[in-house]
Amino acid sequence: MTERHLMTAEETRTLVNGALTDPTIDLATALGVSLAFREGLRTVVLASLSRADYHPAVGEVPGILTYRDGDQVRAAKLSPESELLFAAVLDR
């Protein structure tokens, strides 16, 4: 059985750089996996996200993703890998 792991920061950068030259590379799947496993977001949350929910990093302050959880609005701090993937997906 093969061991599974999330992409490292370097692997994420390589994927994003490849996607910049090849528009057939799907970054949305990698982003969904990253948000689910790194930030702990549930699938139902991922399905309802929009561009307006993403607040990019500024200086040393990490990016934030806001989302609705029932009647409450919550915020998740983004990992550098998720941040890179999210920015690349939105740039397409």
PDB file of N, CA and C in Angstrom:
ATOM      1  N   MET A   1       0.838  -1.179   0.000  1.00  0.00           N
ATOM      2  CA  MET A   1       0.000   0.000   0.000  1.00  0.00           C
ATOM      3  C   MET A   1       0.883   1.244   0.000  1.00  0.00           C
ATOM      4  N   THR A   2       0.587   2.194  -0.885  1.00  0.00           N
ATOM      5  CA  THR A   2       1.384   3.399  -0.965  1.00  0.00           C
ATOM      6  C   THR A   2       0.975   4.393   0.105  1.00  0.00           C
ATOM      7  N   GLU A   3       1.979   5.089   0.617  1.00  0.00           N
ATOM      8  CA  GLU A   3       1.724   6.121   1.614  1.00  0.00           C
ATOM      9  C   GLU A   3       1.262   7.390   0.908  1.00  0.00           C
ATOM     10  N   ARG A   4       0.231   8.020   1.421  1.00  0.00           N
ATOM     11  CA  ARG A   4      -0.293   9.239   0.822  1.00  0.00           C
ATOM     12  C   ARG A   4       0.075  10.427   1.685  1.00  0.00           C
ATOM     13  N   HIS A   5       0.345  11.542   1.027  1.00  0.00           N
ATOM     14  CA  HIS A   5       0.654  12.770   1.755  1.00  0.00           C
ATOM     15  C   HIS A   5       0.154  13.965   0.953  1.00  0.00           C
ATOM     16  N   LEU A   6      -0.022  15.078   1.633  1.00  0.00           N
ATOM     17  CA  LEU A   6      -0.379  16.315   0.946  1.00  0.00           C
ATOM     18  C   LEU A   6       0.855  16.847   0.237  1.00  0.00           C
ATOM     19  N   MET A   7       0.635  17.626  -0.795  1.00  0.00           N
ATOM     20  CA  MET A   7       1.763  18.207  -1.519  1.00  0.00           C
ATOM     21  C   MET A   7       2.532  19.160  -0.613  1.00  0.00           C
ATOM     22  N   THR A   8       3.824  19.159  -0.758  1.00  0.00           N
ATOM     23  CA  THR A   8       4.651  20.116  -0.046  1.00  0.00           C
ATOM     24  C   THR A   8       4.518  21.483  -0.716  1.00  0.00           C
ATOM     25  N   ALA A   9       5.075  22.510  -0.089  1.00  0.00           N
ATOM     26  CA  ALA A   9       5.044  23.849  -0.673  1.00  0.00           C
ATOM     27  C   ALA A   9       5.729  23.842  -2.041  1.00  0.00           C
ATOM     28  N   GLU A  10       6.843  23.131  -2.147  1.00  0.00           N
ATOM     29  CA  GLU A  10       7.577  23.070  -3.421  1.00  0.00           C
ATOM     30  C   GLU A  10       6.758  22.342  -4.491  1.00  0.00           C
ATOM     31  N   GLU A  11       6.118  21.244  -4.132  1.00  0.00           N
ATOM     32  CA  GLU A  11       5.280  20.508  -5.086  1.00  0.00           C
ATOM     33  C   GLU A  11       4.088  21.360  -5.532  1.00  0.00           C
ATOM     34  N   THR A  12       3.533  22.128  -4.607  1.00  0.00           N
ATOM     35  CA  THR A  12       2.417  23.020  -4.942  1.00  0.00           C
ATOM     36  C   THR A  12       2.868  24.075  -5.941  1.00  0.00           C
ATOM     37  N   ARG A  13       4.030  24.672  -5.685  1.00  0.00           N
ATOM     38  CA  ARG A  13       4.570  25.686  -6.616  1.00  0.00           C
ATOM     39  C   ARG A  13       4.793  25.090  -7.997  1.00  0.00           C
ATOM     40  N   THR A  14       5.329  23.881  -8.049  1.00  0.00           N
ATOM     41  CA  THR A  14       5.571  23.219  -9.326  1.00  0.00           C
ATOM     42  C   THR A  14       4.261  22.992 -10.078  1.00  0.00           C
ATOM     43  N   LEU A  15       3.224  22.549  -9.370  1.00  0.00           N
ATOM     44  CA  LEU A  15       1.913  22.337  -9.985  1.00  0.00           C
ATOM     45  C   LEU A  15       1.341  23.648 -10.520  1.00  0.00           C
ATOM     46  N   VAL A  16       1.402  24.704  -9.723  1.00  0.00           N
ATOM     47  CA  VAL A  16       0.875  26.007 -10.150  1.00  0.00           C
ATOM     48  C   VAL A  16       1.654  26.527 -11.346  1.00  0.00           C
ATOM     49  N   ASN A  17       2.972  26.428 -11.313  1.00  0.00           N
ATOM     50  CA  ASN A  17       3.779  26.879 -12.455  1.00  0.00           C
ATOM     51  C   ASN A  17       3.434  26.088 -13.710  1.00  0.00           C
ATOM     52  N   GLY A  18       3.220  24.787 -13.579  1.00  0.00           N
ATOM     53  CA  GLY A  18       2.815  23.974 -14.720  1.00  0.00           C
ATOM     54  C   GLY A  18       1.460  24.388 -15.248  1.00  0.00           C
ATOM     55  N   ALA A  19       0.558  24.726 -14.353  1.00  0.00           N
ATOM     56  CA  ALA A  19      -0.791  25.135 -14.755  1.00  0.00           C
ATOM     57  C   ALA A  19      -0.782  26.474 -15.486  1.00  0.00           C
ATOM     58  N   LEU A  20       0.195  27.303 -15.190  1.00  0.00           N
ATOM     59  CA  LEU A  20       0.293  28.589 -15.878  1.00  0.00           C
ATOM     60  C   LEU A  20       0.609  28.400 -17.360  1.00  0.00           C
ATOM     61  N   THR A  21       1.319  27.324 -17.678  1.00  0.00           N
ATOM     62  CA  THR A  21       1.672  27.069 -19.074  1.00  0.00           C
ATOM     63  C   THR A  21       0.740  26.075 -19.754  1.00  0.00           C
ATOM     64  N   ASP A  22      -0.035  25.333 -18.950  1.00  0.00           N
ATOM     65  CA  ASP A  22      -0.944  24.333 -19.511  1.00  0.00           C
ATOM     66  C   ASP A  22      -2.327  24.489 -18.891  1.00  0.00           C
ATOM     67  N   PRO A  23      -3.253  25.142 -19.593  1.00  0.00           N
ATOM     68  CA  PRO A  23      -4.576  25.407 -19.027  1.00  0.00           C
ATOM     69  C   PRO A  23      -5.425  24.160 -18.800  1.00  0.00           C
ATOM     70  N   THR A  24      -4.967  22.997 -19.262  1.00  0.00           N
ATOM     71  CA  THR A  24      -5.749  21.782 -19.031  1.00  0.00           C
ATOM     72  C   THR A  24      -5.505  21.198 -17.635  1.00  0.00           C
ATOM     73  N   ILE A  25      -4.503  21.700 -16.918  1.00  0.00           N
ATOM     74  CA  ILE A  25      -4.240  21.221 -15.559  1.00  0.00           C
ATOM     75  C   ILE A  25      -5.314  21.786 -14.638  1.00  0.00           C
ATOM     76  N   ASP A  26      -5.989  20.898 -13.916  1.00  0.00           N
ATOM     77  CA  ASP A  26      -7.085  21.284 -13.030  1.00  0.00           C
ATOM     78  C   ASP A  26      -6.563  21.572 -11.628  1.00  0.00           C
ATOM     79  N   LEU A  27      -6.544  22.857 -11.263  1.00  0.00           N
ATOM     80  CA  LEU A  27      -6.089  23.235  -9.932  1.00  0.00           C
ATOM     81  C   LEU A  27      -7.214  23.170  -8.902  1.00  0.00           C
ATOM     82  N   ALA A  28      -8.457  23.139  -9.359  1.00  0.00           N
ATOM     83  CA  ALA A  28      -9.589  23.138  -8.427  1.00  0.00           C
ATOM     84  C   ALA A  28      -9.587  21.889  -7.541  1.00  0.00           C
ATOM     85  N   THR A  29      -9.230  20.752  -8.105  1.00  0.00           N
ATOM     86  CA  THR A  29      -9.189  19.520  -7.315  1.00  0.00           C
ATOM     87  C   THR A  29      -8.104  19.614  -6.248  1.00  0.00           C
ATOM     88  N   ALA A  30      -6.933  20.067  -6.631  1.00  0.00           N
ATOM     89  CA  ALA A  30      -5.836  20.228  -5.665  1.00  0.00           C
ATOM     90  C   ALA A  30      -6.215  21.235  -4.581  1.00  0.00           C
ATOM     91  N   LEU A  31      -6.902  22.301  -4.957  1.00  0.00           N
ATOM     92  CA  LEU A  31      -7.341  23.295  -3.985  1.00  0.00           C
ATOM     93  C   LEU A  31      -8.341  22.683  -3.012  1.00  0.00           C
ATOM     94  N   GLY A  32      -9.309  21.936  -3.526  1.00  0.00           N
ATOM     95  CA  GLY A  32     -10.298  21.302  -2.657  1.00  0.00           C
ATOM     96  C   GLY A  32      -9.666  20.365  -1.643  1.00  0.00           C
ATOM     97  N   VAL A  33      -8.710  19.563  -2.093  1.00  0.00           N
ATOM     98  CA  VAL A  33      -8.018  18.634  -1.193  1.00  0.00           C
ATOM     99  C   VAL A  33      -7.230  19.410  -0.146  1.00  0.00           C
ATOM    100  N   SER A  34      -6.547  20.455  -0.578  1.00  0.00           N
ATOM    101  CA  SER A  34      -5.761  21.261   0.350  1.00  0.00           C
ATOM    102  C   SER A  34      -6.653  21.920   1.404  1.00  0.00           C
ATOM    103  N   LEU A  35      -7.762  22.514   0.972  1.00  0.00           N
ATOM    104  CA  LEU A  35      -8.671  23.171   1.925  1.00  0.00           C
ATOM    105  C   LEU A  35      -9.312  22.163   2.873  1.00  0.00           C
ATOM    106  N   ALA A  36      -9.628  20.991   2.378  1.00  0.00           N
ATOM    107  CA  ALA A  36     -10.248  19.971   3.222  1.00  0.00           C
ATOM    108  C   ALA A  36      -9.271  19.445   4.272  1.00  0.00           C
ATOM    109  N   PHE A  37      -8.056  19.136   3.864  1.00  0.00           N
ATOM    110  CA  PHE A  37      -7.121  18.507   4.787  1.00  0.00           C
ATOM    111  C   PHE A  37      -6.263  19.489   5.579  1.00  0.00           C
ATOM    112  N   ARG A  38      -5.890  20.610   4.998  1.00  0.00           N
ATOM    113  CA  ARG A  38      -5.062  21.575   5.734  1.00  0.00           C
ATOM    114  C   ARG A  38      -5.907  22.480   6.623  1.00  0.00           C
ATOM    115  N   GLU A  39      -7.010  22.978   6.085  1.00  0.00           N
ATOM    116  CA  GLU A  39      -7.843  23.912   6.844  1.00  0.00           C
ATOM    117  C   GLU A  39      -9.034  23.224   7.503  1.00  0.00           C
ATOM    118  N   GLY A  40      -9.271  21.967   7.182  1.00  0.00           N
ATOM    119  CA  GLY A  40     -10.337  21.211   7.813  1.00  0.00           C
ATOM    120  C   GLY A  40     -11.739  21.586   7.367  1.00  0.00           C
ATOM    121  N   LEU A  41     -11.874  22.124   6.155  1.00  0.00           N
ATOM    122  CA  LEU A  41     -13.192  22.526   5.660  1.00  0.00           C
ATOM    123  C   LEU A  41     -13.949  21.317   5.117  1.00  0.00           C
ATOM    124  N   ARG A  42     -15.225  21.251   5.424  1.00  0.00           N
ATOM    125  CA  ARG A  42     -16.067  20.148   4.961  1.00  0.00           C
ATOM    126  C   ARG A  42     -16.459  20.349   3.497  1.00  0.00           C
ATOM    127  N   THR A  43     -16.824  19.271   2.844  1.00  0.00           N
ATOM    128  CA  THR A  43     -17.210  19.301   1.437  1.00  0.00           C
ATOM    129  C   THR A  43     -18.367  20.253   1.182  1.00  0.00           C
ATOM    130  N   VAL A  44     -19.333  20.291   2.076  1.00  0.00           N
ATOM    131  CA  VAL A  44     -20.492  21.174   1.898  1.00  0.00           C
ATOM    132  C   VAL A  44     -20.049  22.643   1.885  1.00  0.00           C
ATOM    133  N   VAL A  45     -19.034  22.973   2.646  1.00  0.00           N
ATOM    134  CA  VAL A  45     -18.501  24.346   2.654  1.00  0.00           C
ATOM    135  C   VAL A  45     -17.794  24.625   1.335  1.00  0.00           C
ATOM    136  N   LEU A  46     -16.984  23.673   0.879  1.00  0.00           N
ATOM    137  CA  LEU A  46     -16.224  23.864  -0.357  1.00  0.00           C
ATOM    138  C   LEU A  46     -17.150  24.109  -1.547  1.00  0.00           C
ATOM    139  N   ALA A  47     -18.282  23.445  -1.570  1.00  0.00           N
ATOM    140  CA  ALA A  47     -19.220  23.573  -2.689  1.00  0.00           C
ATOM    141  C   ALA A  47     -19.868  24.948  -2.747  1.00  0.00           C
ATOM    142  N   SER A  48     -19.900  25.660  -1.624  1.00  0.00           N
ATOM    143  CA  SER A  48     -20.596  26.945  -1.593  1.00  0.00           C
ATOM    144  C   SER A  48     -19.662  28.157  -1.631  1.00  0.00           C
ATOM    145  N   LEU A  49     -18.360  27.944  -1.764  1.00  0.00           N
ATOM    146  CA  LEU A  49     -17.407  29.062  -1.759  1.00  0.00           C
ATOM    147  C   LEU A  49     -17.494  29.881  -3.039  1.00  0.00           C
ATOM    148  N   SER A  50     -17.229  31.168  -2.903  1.00  0.00           N
ATOM    149  CA  SER A  50     -17.165  32.046  -4.071  1.00  0.00           C
ATOM    150  C   SER A  50     -15.912  32.917  -3.965  1.00  0.00           C
ATOM    151  N   ARG A  51     -15.644  33.632  -5.023  1.00  0.00           N
ATOM    152  CA  ARG A  51     -14.488  34.529  -5.068  1.00  0.00           C
ATOM    153  C   ARG A  51     -14.503  35.534  -3.922  1.00  0.00           C
ATOM    154  N   ALA A  52     -15.680  36.012  -3.550  1.00  0.00           N
ATOM    155  CA  ALA A  52     -15.800  37.030  -2.500  1.00  0.00           C
ATOM    156  C   ALA A  52     -15.438  36.488  -1.116  1.00  0.00           C
ATOM    157  N   ASP A  53     -15.384  35.157  -0.959  1.00  0.00           N
ATOM    158  CA  ASP A  53     -15.063  34.560   0.334  1.00  0.00           C
ATOM    159  C   ASP A  53     -13.561  34.560   0.621  1.00  0.00           C
ATOM    160  N   TYR A  54     -12.761  34.834  -0.370  1.00  0.00           N
ATOM    161  CA  TYR A  54     -11.305  34.774  -0.243  1.00  0.00           C
ATOM    162  C   TYR A  54     -10.743  36.165   0.015  1.00  0.00           C
ATOM    163  N   HIS A  55      -9.928  36.271   1.046  1.00  0.00           N
ATOM    164  CA  HIS A  55      -9.276  37.533   1.402  1.00  0.00           C
ATOM    165  C   HIS A  55      -7.772  37.263   1.412  1.00  0.00           C
ATOM    166  N   PRO A  56      -7.046  37.748   0.387  1.00  0.00           N
ATOM    167  CA  PRO A  56      -5.633  37.384   0.231  1.00  0.00           C
ATOM    168  C   PRO A  56      -4.741  37.883   1.364  1.00  0.00           C
ATOM    169  N   ALA A  57      -3.591  37.245   1.468  1.00  0.00           N
ATOM    170  CA  ALA A  57      -2.596  37.636   2.461  1.00  0.00           C
ATOM    171  C   ALA A  57      -2.109  39.055   2.183  1.00  0.00           C
ATOM    172  N   VAL A  58      -1.784  39.752   3.269  1.00  0.00           N
ATOM    173  CA  VAL A  58      -1.207  41.091   3.165  1.00  0.00           C
ATOM    174  C   VAL A  58      -0.004  41.123   4.095  1.00  0.00           C
ATOM    175  N   GLY A  59       1.173  41.255   3.514  1.00  0.00           N
ATOM    176  CA  GLY A  59       2.394  41.252   4.322  1.00  0.00           C
ATOM    177  C   GLY A  59       2.534  39.954   5.098  1.00  0.00           C
ATOM    178  N   GLU A  60       2.648  40.055   6.411  1.00  0.00           N
ATOM    179  CA  GLU A  60       2.809  38.878   7.273  1.00  0.00           C
ATOM    180  C   GLU A  60       1.480  38.249   7.677  1.00  0.00           C
ATOM    181  N   VAL A  61       0.369  38.911   7.349  1.00  0.00           N
ATOM    182  CA  VAL A  61      -0.949  38.400   7.718  1.00  0.00           C
ATOM    183  C   VAL A  61      -1.394  37.382   6.666  1.00  0.00           C
ATOM    184  N   PRO A  62      -1.684  36.138   7.094  1.00  0.00           N
ATOM    185  CA  PRO A  62      -2.068  35.111   6.123  1.00  0.00           C
ATOM    186  C   PRO A  62      -3.434  35.373   5.502  1.00  0.00           C
ATOM    187  N   GLY A  63      -3.677  34.746   4.370  1.00  0.00           N
ATOM    188  CA  GLY A  63      -4.976  34.844   3.720  1.00  0.00           C
ATOM    189  C   GLY A  63      -6.049  34.195   4.576  1.00  0.00           C
ATOM    190  N   ILE A  64      -7.272  34.665   4.401  1.00  0.00           N
ATOM    191  CA  ILE A  64      -8.418  34.172   5.168  1.00  0.00           C
ATOM    192  C   ILE A  64      -9.514  33.766   4.199  1.00  0.00           C
ATOM    193  N   LEU A  65     -10.221  32.730   4.544  1.00  0.00           N
ATOM    194  CA  LEU A  65     -11.382  32.298   3.786  1.00  0.00           C
ATOM    195  C   LEU A  65     -12.576  32.364   4.728  1.00  0.00           C
ATOM    196  N   THR A  66     -13.579  33.168   4.364  1.00  0.00           N
ATOM    197  CA  THR A  66     -14.785  33.241   5.182  1.00  0.00           C
ATOM    198  C   THR A  66     -15.834  32.328   4.575  1.00  0.00           C
ATOM    199  N   TYR A  67     -16.635  31.715   5.433  1.00  0.00           N
ATOM    200  CA  TYR A  67     -17.671  30.809   4.953  1.00  0.00           C
ATOM    201  C   TYR A  67     -18.812  30.750   5.957  1.00  0.00           C
ATOM    202  N   ARG A  68     -19.965  30.351   5.477  1.00  0.00           N
ATOM    203  CA  ARG A  68     -21.160  30.244   6.316  1.00  0.00           C
ATOM    204  C   ARG A  68     -21.251  28.832   6.881  1.00  0.00           C
ATOM    205  N   ASP A  69     -21.470  28.770   8.192  1.00  0.00           N
ATOM    206  CA  ASP A  69     -21.655  27.504   8.890  1.00  0.00           C
ATOM    207  C   ASP A  69     -22.966  27.619   9.664  1.00  0.00           C
ATOM    208  N   GLY A  70     -24.045  27.191   9.011  1.00  0.00           N
ATOM    209  CA  GLY A  70     -25.370  27.387   9.602  1.00  0.00           C
ATOM    210  C   GLY A  70     -25.704  28.866   9.622  1.00  0.00           C
ATOM    211  N   ASP A  71     -25.964  29.394  10.802  1.00  0.00           N
ATOM    212  CA  ASP A  71     -26.299  30.816  10.942  1.00  0.00           C
ATOM    213  C   ASP A  71     -25.079  31.691  11.199  1.00  0.00           C
ATOM    214  N   GLN A  72     -23.922  31.095  11.318  1.00  0.00           N
ATOM    215  CA  GLN A  72     -22.716  31.851  11.654  1.00  0.00           C
ATOM    216  C   GLN A  72     -21.790  31.985  10.450  1.00  0.00           C
ATOM    217  N   VAL A  73     -21.030  33.070  10.446  1.00  0.00           N
ATOM    218  CA  VAL A  73     -19.972  33.256   9.459  1.00  0.00           C
ATOM    219  C   VAL A  73     -18.663  32.957  10.172  1.00  0.00           C
ATOM    220  N   ARG A  74     -17.883  32.071   9.597  1.00  0.00           N
ATOM    221  CA  ARG A  74     -16.609  31.665  10.190  1.00  0.00           C
ATOM    222  C   ARG A  74     -15.465  32.063   9.264  1.00  0.00           C
ATOM    223  N   ALA A  75     -14.270  32.067   9.818  1.00  0.00           N
ATOM    224  CA  ALA A  75     -13.078  32.390   9.033  1.00  0.00           C
ATOM    225  C   ALA A  75     -12.030  31.307   9.261  1.00  0.00           C
ATOM    226  N   ALA A  76     -11.379  30.904   8.188  1.00  0.00           N
ATOM    227  CA  ALA A  76     -10.297  29.920   8.262  1.00  0.00           C
ATOM    228  C   ALA A  76      -9.023  30.569   7.741  1.00  0.00           C
ATOM    229  N   LYS A  77      -7.973  30.495   8.536  1.00  0.00           N
ATOM    230  CA  LYS A  77      -6.669  30.991   8.097  1.00  0.00           C
ATOM    231  C   LYS A  77      -6.114  30.011   7.085  1.00  0.00           C
ATOM    232  N   LEU A  78      -5.631  30.529   5.949  1.00  0.00           N
ATOM    233  CA  LEU A  78      -5.141  29.665   4.870  1.00  0.00           C
ATOM    234  C   LEU A  78      -3.666  29.326   5.047  1.00  0.00           C
ATOM    235  N   SER A  79      -3.328  28.088   4.762  1.00  0.00           N
ATOM    236  CA  SER A  79      -1.931  27.674   4.724  1.00  0.00           C
ATOM    237  C   SER A  79      -1.291  28.299   3.480  1.00  0.00           C
ATOM    238  N   PRO A  80       0.021  28.418   3.457  1.00  0.00           N
ATOM    239  CA  PRO A  80       0.678  28.969   2.263  1.00  0.00           C
ATOM    240  C   PRO A  80       0.350  28.177   0.993  1.00  0.00           C
ATOM    241  N   GLU A  81       0.215  26.852   1.109  1.00  0.00           N
ATOM    242  CA  GLU A  81      -0.093  26.029  -0.055  1.00  0.00           C
ATOM    243  C   GLU A  81      -1.502  26.314  -0.577  1.00  0.00           C
ATOM    244  N   SER A  82      -2.478  26.379   0.332  1.00  0.00           N
ATOM    245  CA  SER A  82      -3.851  26.686  -0.079  1.00  0.00           C
ATOM    246  C   SER A  82      -3.942  28.089  -0.655  1.00  0.00           C
ATOM    247  N   GLU A  83      -3.215  29.013  -0.054  1.00  0.00           N
ATOM    248  CA  GLU A  83      -3.200  30.396  -0.537  1.00  0.00           C
ATOM    249  C   GLU A  83      -2.691  30.455  -1.978  1.00  0.00           C
ATOM    250  N   LEU A  84      -1.606  29.764  -2.255  1.00  0.00           N
ATOM    251  CA  LEU A  84      -1.024  29.743  -3.597  1.00  0.00           C
ATOM    252  C   LEU A  84      -1.998  29.130  -4.603  1.00  0.00           C
ATOM    253  N   LEU A  85      -2.623  28.019  -4.227  1.00  0.00           N
ATOM    254  CA  LEU A  85      -3.590  27.373  -5.113  1.00  0.00           C
ATOM    255  C   LEU A  85      -4.820  28.253  -5.342  1.00  0.00           C
ATOM    256  N   PHE A  86      -5.331  28.873  -4.274  1.00  0.00           N
ATOM    257  CA  PHE A  86      -6.521  29.709  -4.401  1.00  0.00           C
ATOM    258  C   PHE A  86      -6.247  30.884  -5.342  1.00  0.00           C
ATOM    259  N   ALA A  87      -5.111  31.551  -5.151  1.00  0.00           N
ATOM    260  CA  ALA A  87      -4.763  32.686  -6.014  1.00  0.00           C
ATOM    261  C   ALA A  87      -4.646  32.245  -7.472  1.00  0.00           C
ATOM    262  N   ALA A  88      -4.049  31.081  -7.702  1.00  0.00           N
ATOM    263  CA  ALA A  88      -3.893  30.600  -9.081  1.00  0.00           C
ATOM    264  C   ALA A  88      -5.238  30.247  -9.710  1.00  0.00           C
ATOM    265  N   VAL A  89      -6.131  29.628  -8.934  1.00  0.00           N
ATOM    266  CA  VAL A  89      -7.458  29.290  -9.458  1.00  0.00           C
ATOM    267  C   VAL A  89      -8.220  30.562  -9.830  1.00  0.00           C
ATOM    268  N   LEU A  90      -8.140  31.573  -8.994  1.00  0.00           N
ATOM    269  CA  LEU A  90      -8.867  32.817  -9.264  1.00  0.00           C
ATOM    270  C   LEU A  90      -8.265  33.610 -10.411  1.00  0.00           C
ATOM    271  N   ASP A  91      -6.983  33.427 -10.682  1.00  0.00           N
ATOM    272  CA  ASP A  91      -6.329  34.130 -11.798  1.00  0.00           C
ATOM    273  C   ASP A  91      -6.727  33.569 -13.151  1.00  0.00           C
ATOM    274  N   ARG A  92      -7.312  32.385 -13.179  1.00  0.00           N
ATOM    275  CA  ARG A  92      -7.667  31.756 -14.458  1.00  0.00           C
ATOM    276  C   ARG A  92      -8.888  32.384 -15.047  1.00  0.00           C
TER     277      ARG A  92
END
